[in-house]
């Protein structure tokens, strides 16, 4: 029994490691698509199509979302949609994917604070230390030519705030919800939000869509469908702290892939800032003696929603 349990944990570790590579590749796929398509149209097609495919897969497998889970799933989907719109707008104007990925990873650091505000959970000492390290890291990341944060950096920082709220609420509400239909509904919601935002201000071009078709297909199938399905499965097989620790590899892979693919390079100061942010995330995942900061307290004798 113990060997089977260890085998499942090892499999989940391997799956989440693959997820980090798929997520990092998604940065590259998205940057390529943005050379042809406007950002919100791209995200609407990417997430809308991925959500539809997962919805059809769920119907085929008979996976049904309970009615009680509809409201929290939609609420988390709304946060997810806002965060992804901020992310794609930042990516559109970003010139260094490595820096962008490390700034976005601050959402993991901020998640305990979002959990404190939204769910009333306690903050550990590690959370305060991680916030201080993250602040130092942001200061180093901003030391580029001309100084200060770029416009894209502010968008990525706003994404990190929304992502922290999404991570906190999604971990709380989705723990006992079937992963496939919930993921499909959230992805569909992101797609609809982005398409509605695209209609009034973006030009739609069929030739541009065809020119970016292979990158768009990779974004849909690999960086969205496969990534989120595997991520939800893997997170369901281990504690959130362990899963988050593995997912920290995403900005590392992103920086390495961007350096290889686009030739983008971070300065020594920016690498120091990235290291401080990564250290902040590691510290924030340190298991305290009291209940984990990303989990809301459950009164004795009471389970469920």
Protein backbone atom coordinates (compact mmCIF):
# COMPACT_ATOMS: atom_id res chain seq x y z
CA UNK A 1 0.00 0.00 0.00
CA UNK A 2 2.81 2.37 0.91
CA UNK A 3 4.71 1.52 -2.28
CA UNK A 4 1.63 2.27 -4.38
CA UNK A 5 1.22 5.61 -2.61
CA UNK A 6 4.87 6.49 -3.19
CA UNK A 7 4.47 5.55 -6.85
CA UNK A 8 1.49 7.88 -7.24
CA UNK A 9 3.39 10.77 -5.65
CA UNK A 10 6.38 10.14 -7.92
CA UNK A 11 4.09 10.09 -10.96
CA UNK A 12 2.48 13.35 -9.85
CA UNK A 13 5.93 14.91 -9.43
CA UNK A 14 6.88 13.88 -12.97
CA UNK A 15 3.58 15.20 -14.35
CA UNK A 16 4.01 18.60 -12.68
CA UNK A 17 7.59 18.78 -13.95
CA UNK A 18 6.19 18.32 -17.46
CA UNK A 19 3.59 21.00 -16.68
CA UNK A 20 6.35 23.53 -15.94
CA UNK A 21 7.94 22.82 -19.33
CA UNK A 22 4.59 23.17 -21.10
CA UNK A 23 3.89 26.44 -19.26
CA UNK A 24 7.31 27.83 -20.17
CA UNK A 25 6.79 26.79 -23.80
CA UNK A 26 3.46 28.63 -23.71
CA UNK A 27 5.33 31.92 -23.25
CA UNK A 28 7.24 31.27 -26.47
CA UNK A 29 4.17 30.09 -28.41
CA UNK A 30 2.22 33.16 -27.29
CA UNK A 31 5.01 35.58 -28.20
CA UNK A 32 5.13 34.05 -31.69
CA UNK A 33 1.35 34.29 -32.18
CA UNK A 34 1.35 37.94 -31.08
CA UNK A 35 3.45 38.79 -34.12
CA UNK A 36 0.35 38.07 -36.24
CA UNK A 37 -2.76 38.30 -34.04
CA UNK A 38 -4.01 40.98 -31.62
CA UNK A 39 -3.67 39.85 -27.99
CA UNK A 40 -7.28 39.53 -26.85
CA UNK A 41 -8.36 37.77 -30.03
CA UNK A 42 -5.53 35.29 -29.58
CA UNK A 43 -6.45 34.60 -25.95
CA UNK A 44 -10.13 34.29 -26.84
CA UNK A 45 -9.36 31.70 -29.51
CA UNK A 46 -6.81 29.90 -27.33
CA UNK A 47 -8.85 29.56 -24.16
CA UNK A 48 -12.26 29.36 -25.85
CA UNK A 49 -11.18 26.49 -28.10
CA UNK A 50 -9.35 24.72 -25.27
CA UNK A 51 -12.38 25.07 -22.99
CA UNK A 52 -14.69 23.72 -25.69
CA UNK A 53 -12.43 20.71 -26.29
CA UNK A 54 -12.27 19.92 -22.58
CA UNK A 55 -16.04 20.39 -22.27
CA UNK A 56 -16.64 17.86 -25.05
CA UNK A 57 -14.14 15.50 -23.43
CA UNK A 58 -15.95 15.85 -20.12
CA UNK A 59 -19.32 15.12 -21.72
CA UNK A 60 -17.86 12.06 -23.42
CA UNK A 61 -16.49 10.81 -20.09
CA UNK A 62 -19.69 11.68 -18.24
CA UNK A 63 -18.00 14.24 -15.95
CA UNK A 64 -20.62 16.60 -14.52
CA UNK A 65 -20.10 19.77 -12.49
CA UNK A 66 -22.34 19.76 -9.37
CA UNK A 67 -24.76 22.66 -9.15
CA UNK A 68 -23.29 23.74 -5.80
CA UNK A 69 -19.92 24.21 -7.52
CA UNK A 70 -21.23 26.46 -10.30
CA UNK A 71 -20.97 29.81 -8.47
CA UNK A 72 -17.42 29.35 -7.06
CA UNK A 73 -16.23 27.97 -10.40
CA UNK A 74 -17.60 30.99 -12.25
CA UNK A 75 -16.15 33.37 -9.65
CA UNK A 76 -12.71 31.82 -9.98
CA UNK A 77 -13.11 31.86 -13.75
CA UNK A 78 -13.79 35.60 -13.65
CA UNK A 79 -10.56 36.21 -11.72
CA UNK A 80 -8.73 33.88 -14.08
CA UNK A 81 -10.04 35.84 -17.07
CA UNK A 82 -8.97 39.22 -15.69
CA UNK A 83 -5.53 37.90 -14.82
CA UNK A 84 -4.98 36.37 -18.27
CA UNK A 85 -6.05 39.60 -19.99
CA UNK A 86 -3.48 41.48 -17.94
CA UNK A 87 -0.85 38.84 -18.73
CA UNK A 88 -1.33 38.92 -22.49
CA UNK A 89 -1.30 42.73 -22.59
CA UNK A 90 1.95 42.70 -20.64
CA UNK A 91 3.41 40.03 -22.92
CA UNK A 92 2.52 42.12 -25.96
CA UNK A 93 4.84 44.91 -24.79
CA UNK A 94 7.49 42.84 -23.01
CA UNK A 95 10.99 42.50 -24.44
CA UNK A 96 12.39 40.05 -21.86
CA UNK A 97 10.38 36.92 -21.12
CA UNK A 98 12.68 35.82 -18.32
CA UNK A 99 12.10 39.00 -16.31
CA UNK A 100 8.37 38.83 -17.05
CA UNK A 101 8.11 35.22 -15.86
CA UNK A 102 9.83 35.95 -12.56
CA UNK A 103 7.60 38.96 -11.88
CA UNK A 104 4.51 36.87 -12.63
CA UNK A 105 5.74 34.17 -10.25
CA UNK A 106 5.23 36.63 -7.39
CA UNK A 107 1.59 35.55 -7.43
CA UNK A 108 2.68 32.51 -5.41
CA UNK A 109 4.31 34.79 -2.82
CA UNK A 110 1.24 37.00 -2.58
CA UNK A 111 -1.23 34.10 -2.36
CA UNK A 112 -1.06 33.82 1.47
CA UNK A 113 -1.90 37.54 1.77
CA UNK A 114 -4.83 37.10 -0.61
CA UNK A 115 -5.96 34.13 1.45
CA UNK A 116 -5.74 36.27 4.58
CA UNK A 117 -7.89 39.04 3.08
CA UNK A 118 -10.42 36.82 1.30
CA UNK A 119 -10.67 33.77 3.57
CA UNK A 120 -9.42 35.01 6.94
CA UNK A 121 -6.54 32.54 7.18
CA UNK A 122 -3.52 33.21 9.37
CA UNK A 123 -0.22 34.49 8.02
CA UNK A 124 2.93 32.64 8.96
CA UNK A 125 6.27 34.26 9.69
CA UNK A 126 7.54 32.76 6.43
CA UNK A 127 4.94 34.79 4.51
CA UNK A 128 6.27 38.06 5.93
CA UNK A 129 9.88 37.09 5.19
CA UNK A 130 8.97 36.07 1.63
CA UNK A 131 7.27 39.43 1.04
CA UNK A 132 10.40 41.29 2.12
CA UNK A 133 12.56 39.18 -0.20
CA UNK A 134 10.12 39.70 -3.05
CA UNK A 135 10.23 43.47 -2.54
CA UNK A 136 14.03 43.43 -2.77
CA UNK A 137 13.79 41.26 -5.85
CA UNK A 138 11.39 43.68 -7.54
CA UNK A 139 13.79 46.54 -6.78
CA UNK A 140 16.62 44.66 -8.52
CA UNK A 141 14.42 43.70 -11.46
CA UNK A 142 13.57 47.36 -12.04
CA UNK A 143 17.23 48.40 -12.42
CA UNK A 144 17.26 48.48 -16.19
CA UNK A 145 18.32 51.15 -18.62
CA UNK A 146 16.49 54.30 -17.65
CA UNK A 147 15.49 52.87 -14.26
CA UNK A 148 12.00 52.19 -12.96
CA UNK A 149 9.47 49.59 -13.95
CA UNK A 150 8.40 49.34 -17.58
CA UNK A 151 4.72 49.51 -18.51
CA UNK A 152 4.69 45.76 -19.14
CA UNK A 153 6.15 45.15 -15.66
CA UNK A 154 3.22 46.95 -14.04
CA UNK A 155 0.82 44.78 -16.03
CA UNK A 156 2.66 41.64 -14.92
CA UNK A 157 2.60 42.85 -11.31
CA UNK A 158 -1.17 43.41 -11.60
CA UNK A 159 -1.39 39.90 -13.04
CA UNK A 160 0.48 38.58 -9.99
CA UNK A 161 -2.07 40.24 -7.67
CA UNK A 162 -5.03 38.73 -9.56
CA UNK A 163 -3.23 35.41 -9.81
CA UNK A 164 -2.71 35.36 -6.03
CA UNK A 165 -6.44 35.87 -5.45
CA UNK A 166 -7.26 33.21 -8.04
CA UNK A 167 -4.84 30.69 -6.54
CA UNK A 168 -6.19 31.27 -3.04
CA UNK A 169 -9.86 30.97 -3.95
CA UNK A 170 -9.42 28.21 -6.52
CA UNK A 171 -7.46 26.06 -4.06
CA UNK A 172 -10.17 26.61 -1.45
CA UNK A 173 -13.28 26.00 -3.55
CA UNK A 174 -12.08 23.49 -6.14
CA UNK A 175 -10.62 20.89 -3.74
CA UNK A 176 -13.75 18.72 -3.92
CA UNK A 177 -14.92 19.60 -7.44
CA UNK A 178 -14.35 17.38 -10.52
CA UNK A 179 -11.29 18.83 -12.25
CA UNK A 180 -12.29 18.31 -15.89
CA UNK A 181 -15.68 20.12 -16.04
CA UNK A 182 -14.47 22.88 -13.69
CA UNK A 183 -11.37 23.49 -15.81
CA UNK A 184 -13.44 23.48 -19.01
CA UNK A 185 -15.88 26.05 -17.62
CA UNK A 186 -13.12 28.35 -16.40
CA UNK A 187 -11.26 28.20 -19.72
CA UNK A 188 -14.48 28.89 -21.62
CA UNK A 189 -15.12 31.90 -19.40
CA UNK A 190 -11.65 33.27 -20.12
CA UNK A 191 -12.23 32.78 -23.84
CA UNK A 192 -15.58 34.59 -23.81
CA UNK A 193 -14.19 37.51 -21.76
CA UNK A 194 -11.24 37.97 -24.12
CA UNK A 195 -13.38 37.76 -27.27
CA UNK A 196 -15.82 40.32 -25.86
CA UNK A 197 -12.88 42.60 -25.10
CA UNK A 198 -11.47 42.08 -28.59
CA UNK A 199 -14.59 42.95 -30.58
CA UNK A 200 -14.66 46.75 -30.04
CA UNK A 201 -10.97 47.56 -30.46
CA UNK A 202 -9.09 44.87 -32.37
CA UNK A 203 -8.91 44.08 -36.09
CA UNK A 204 -9.61 40.47 -37.06
CA UNK A 205 -7.71 39.16 -40.06
CA UNK A 206 -8.17 35.73 -41.64
CA UNK A 207 -4.71 35.75 -43.34
CA UNK A 208 -3.06 36.59 -39.99
CA UNK A 209 -4.95 33.74 -38.36
CA UNK A 210 -3.73 31.30 -41.01
CA UNK A 211 -0.14 32.59 -40.76
CA UNK A 212 -0.04 31.92 -37.01
CA UNK A 213 -2.08 28.73 -37.15
CA UNK A 214 0.66 26.30 -36.08
CA UNK A 215 1.70 28.42 -33.09
CA UNK A 216 -1.95 28.94 -32.13
CA UNK A 217 -2.56 25.19 -32.33
CA UNK A 218 0.46 24.51 -30.10
CA UNK A 219 -0.84 27.09 -27.61
CA UNK A 220 -4.28 25.50 -27.53
CA UNK A 221 -3.35 21.81 -27.38
CA UNK A 222 -0.04 21.83 -25.49
CA UNK A 223 0.15 25.03 -23.41
CA UNK A 224 -3.56 25.11 -22.47
CA UNK A 225 -5.48 21.80 -22.78
CA UNK A 226 -2.69 19.41 -21.86
CA UNK A 227 -1.04 21.77 -19.39
CA UNK A 228 -4.13 22.56 -17.30
CA UNK A 229 -5.44 18.99 -17.36
CA UNK A 230 -2.11 17.63 -16.13
CA UNK A 231 -1.75 20.45 -13.60
CA UNK A 232 -5.17 19.84 -12.07
CA UNK A 233 -4.50 16.09 -11.92
CA UNK A 234 -1.07 16.52 -10.37
CA UNK A 235 -2.23 19.08 -7.81
CA UNK A 236 -4.97 16.70 -6.74
CA UNK A 237 -2.39 14.05 -5.84
CA UNK A 238 -0.24 16.08 -3.46
CA UNK A 239 -0.39 18.97 -0.94
CA UNK A 240 -0.53 22.44 -2.47
CA UNK A 241 2.85 23.40 -0.95
CA UNK A 242 4.61 20.49 -2.67
CA UNK A 243 2.87 21.24 -5.98
CA UNK A 244 3.75 24.94 -5.81
CA UNK A 245 7.39 24.09 -5.10
CA UNK A 246 7.60 22.11 -8.36
CA UNK A 247 5.72 24.75 -10.34
CA UNK A 248 8.38 27.28 -9.34
CA UNK A 249 10.47 25.87 -12.16
CA UNK A 250 8.27 27.63 -14.75
CA UNK A 251 10.08 31.01 -14.68
CA UNK A 252 13.44 29.23 -14.70
CA UNK A 253 12.56 27.25 -17.84
CA UNK A 254 11.03 30.40 -19.38
CA UNK A 255 14.20 32.42 -18.88
CA UNK A 256 16.36 29.63 -20.34
CA UNK A 257 14.07 29.01 -23.32
CA UNK A 258 13.77 32.74 -24.05
CA UNK A 259 17.53 33.11 -23.93
CA UNK A 260 17.92 30.23 -26.40
CA UNK A 261 15.01 31.13 -28.72
CA UNK A 262 14.97 34.94 -28.73
CA UNK A 263 18.48 35.69 -27.51
CA UNK A 264 17.09 37.78 -24.64
CA UNK A 265 19.56 38.27 -21.80
CA UNK A 266 19.07 39.43 -18.21
CA UNK A 267 21.69 41.56 -16.47
CA UNK A 268 23.48 40.45 -13.32
CA UNK A 269 21.25 42.70 -11.23
CA UNK A 270 18.15 41.19 -12.81
CA UNK A 271 19.42 37.67 -12.14
CA UNK A 272 19.95 38.74 -8.52
CA UNK A 273 16.38 40.03 -8.42
CA UNK A 274 15.12 36.80 -9.99
CA UNK A 275 17.03 34.83 -7.37
CA UNK A 276 15.51 36.90 -4.56
CA UNK A 277 11.99 36.41 -5.96
CA UNK A 278 12.58 32.68 -6.35
CA UNK A 279 13.92 32.57 -2.77
CA UNK A 280 10.82 34.43 -1.63
CA UNK A 281 8.62 31.81 -3.25
CA UNK A 282 10.59 29.01 -1.65
CA UNK A 283 10.33 30.65 1.76
CA UNK A 284 6.60 31.21 1.28
CA UNK A 285 6.18 27.48 0.65
CA UNK A 286 7.95 26.58 3.93
CA UNK A 287 5.57 24.47 5.98
CA UNK A 288 4.74 26.25 9.25
CA UNK A 289 3.85 24.51 12.48
CA UNK A 290 0.30 25.77 12.29
CA UNK A 291 -2.03 25.01 9.31
CA UNK A 292 -0.74 26.00 5.89
CA UNK A 293 -1.42 29.63 5.00
CA UNK A 294 -3.07 28.74 1.67
CA UNK A 295 -5.65 26.55 3.35
CA UNK A 296 -8.62 28.04 5.13
CA UNK A 297 -9.32 26.71 8.61
CA UNK A 298 -12.15 24.17 8.85
CA UNK A 299 -14.10 24.18 12.13
CA UNK A 300 -13.96 20.95 14.10
CA UNK A 301 -16.57 18.44 13.00
CA UNK A 302 -17.38 20.36 9.82
CA UNK A 303 -16.34 19.48 6.31
CA UNK A 304 -17.51 20.54 2.89
CA UNK A 305 -18.81 23.90 1.75
